[in-house]
Amino acid sequence: MRKIVINLNEKDYLDFLLESNEHGFTAEEQIHEIINYYILVRKLRTKIQFSNNTITSFSNK
């Protein structure tokens, strides 16, 4: 496991904490949700780009 340290000013932290609480998460849980969402979006982009390249190559023939 890796450790990530993020420095936030107090206002940004409180804003993030408020947003997290509105979704029923702790700040740590919200960060995990953000990371998981980013990974999912990245994987989907890779699949879409691969699919688009495949379709393009078929239409070029």
Protein backbone atom coordinates (compact mmCIF):
# COMPACT_ATOMS: atom_id res chain seq x y z
CA MET A 1 0.00 0.00 0.00
CA ARG A 2 1.18 3.52 -0.79
CA LYS A 3 0.76 6.59 1.35
CA ILE A 4 -0.43 9.80 -0.28
CA VAL A 5 -0.18 13.12 1.54
CA ILE A 6 -2.25 16.06 0.35
CA ASN A 7 -1.85 19.50 1.87
CA LEU A 8 -5.05 21.55 1.89
CA ASN A 9 -5.74 24.88 3.42
CA GLU A 10 -8.42 24.89 6.10
CA LYS A 11 -11.17 26.28 3.86
CA ASP A 12 -10.61 23.68 1.14
CA TYR A 13 -10.54 20.87 3.71
CA LEU A 14 -13.76 22.05 5.34
CA ASP A 15 -15.44 22.35 1.92
CA PHE A 16 -14.32 18.82 1.04
CA LEU A 17 -15.43 17.51 4.43
CA LEU A 18 -18.85 19.14 3.99
CA GLU A 19 -19.21 17.60 0.52
CA SER A 20 -18.17 14.19 1.86
CA ASN A 21 -20.64 14.37 4.73
CA GLU A 22 -23.47 15.28 2.33
CA HIS A 23 -22.81 11.99 0.52
CA GLY A 24 -22.59 10.05 3.78
CA PHE A 25 -18.84 9.43 3.59
CA THR A 26 -15.87 10.32 5.73
CA ALA A 27 -13.18 12.37 3.97
CA GLU A 28 -11.09 9.20 3.55
CA GLU A 29 -14.01 7.24 2.08
CA GLN A 30 -14.75 10.10 -0.33
CA ILE A 31 -11.13 10.10 -1.51
CA HIS A 32 -11.36 6.33 -2.13
CA GLU A 33 -14.58 6.88 -4.12
CA ILE A 34 -12.90 9.57 -6.23
CA ILE A 35 -9.92 7.34 -6.96
CA ASN A 36 -12.15 4.36 -7.85
CA TYR A 37 -14.24 6.58 -10.14
CA TYR A 38 -11.12 7.90 -11.86
CA ILE A 39 -9.82 4.35 -12.43
CA LEU A 40 -13.18 3.24 -13.85
CA VAL A 41 -13.38 6.23 -16.22
CA ARG A 42 -9.80 5.66 -17.35
CA LYS A 43 -10.51 1.99 -18.11
CA LEU A 44 -13.65 2.89 -20.05
CA ARG A 45 -11.77 5.52 -22.10
CA THR A 46 -9.16 2.93 -23.03
CA LYS A 47 -11.87 0.49 -24.17
CA ILE A 48 -13.67 3.19 -26.16
CA GLN A 49 -10.46 4.32 -27.88
CA PHE A 50 -9.65 0.71 -28.73
CA SER A 51 -13.15 0.19 -30.12
CA ASN A 52 -12.99 3.40 -32.14
CA ASN A 53 -9.61 2.42 -33.61
CA THR A 54 -10.97 -0.98 -34.56
CA ILE A 55 -14.02 0.54 -36.25
CA THR A 56 -11.85 3.06 -38.12
CA SER A 57 -9.52 0.36 -39.39
CA PHE A 58 -12.46 -1.67 -40.71
CA SER A 59 -13.91 1.32 -42.55
CA ASN A 60 -10.54 2.07 -44.18
CA LYS A 61 -10.46 -1.31 -45.94
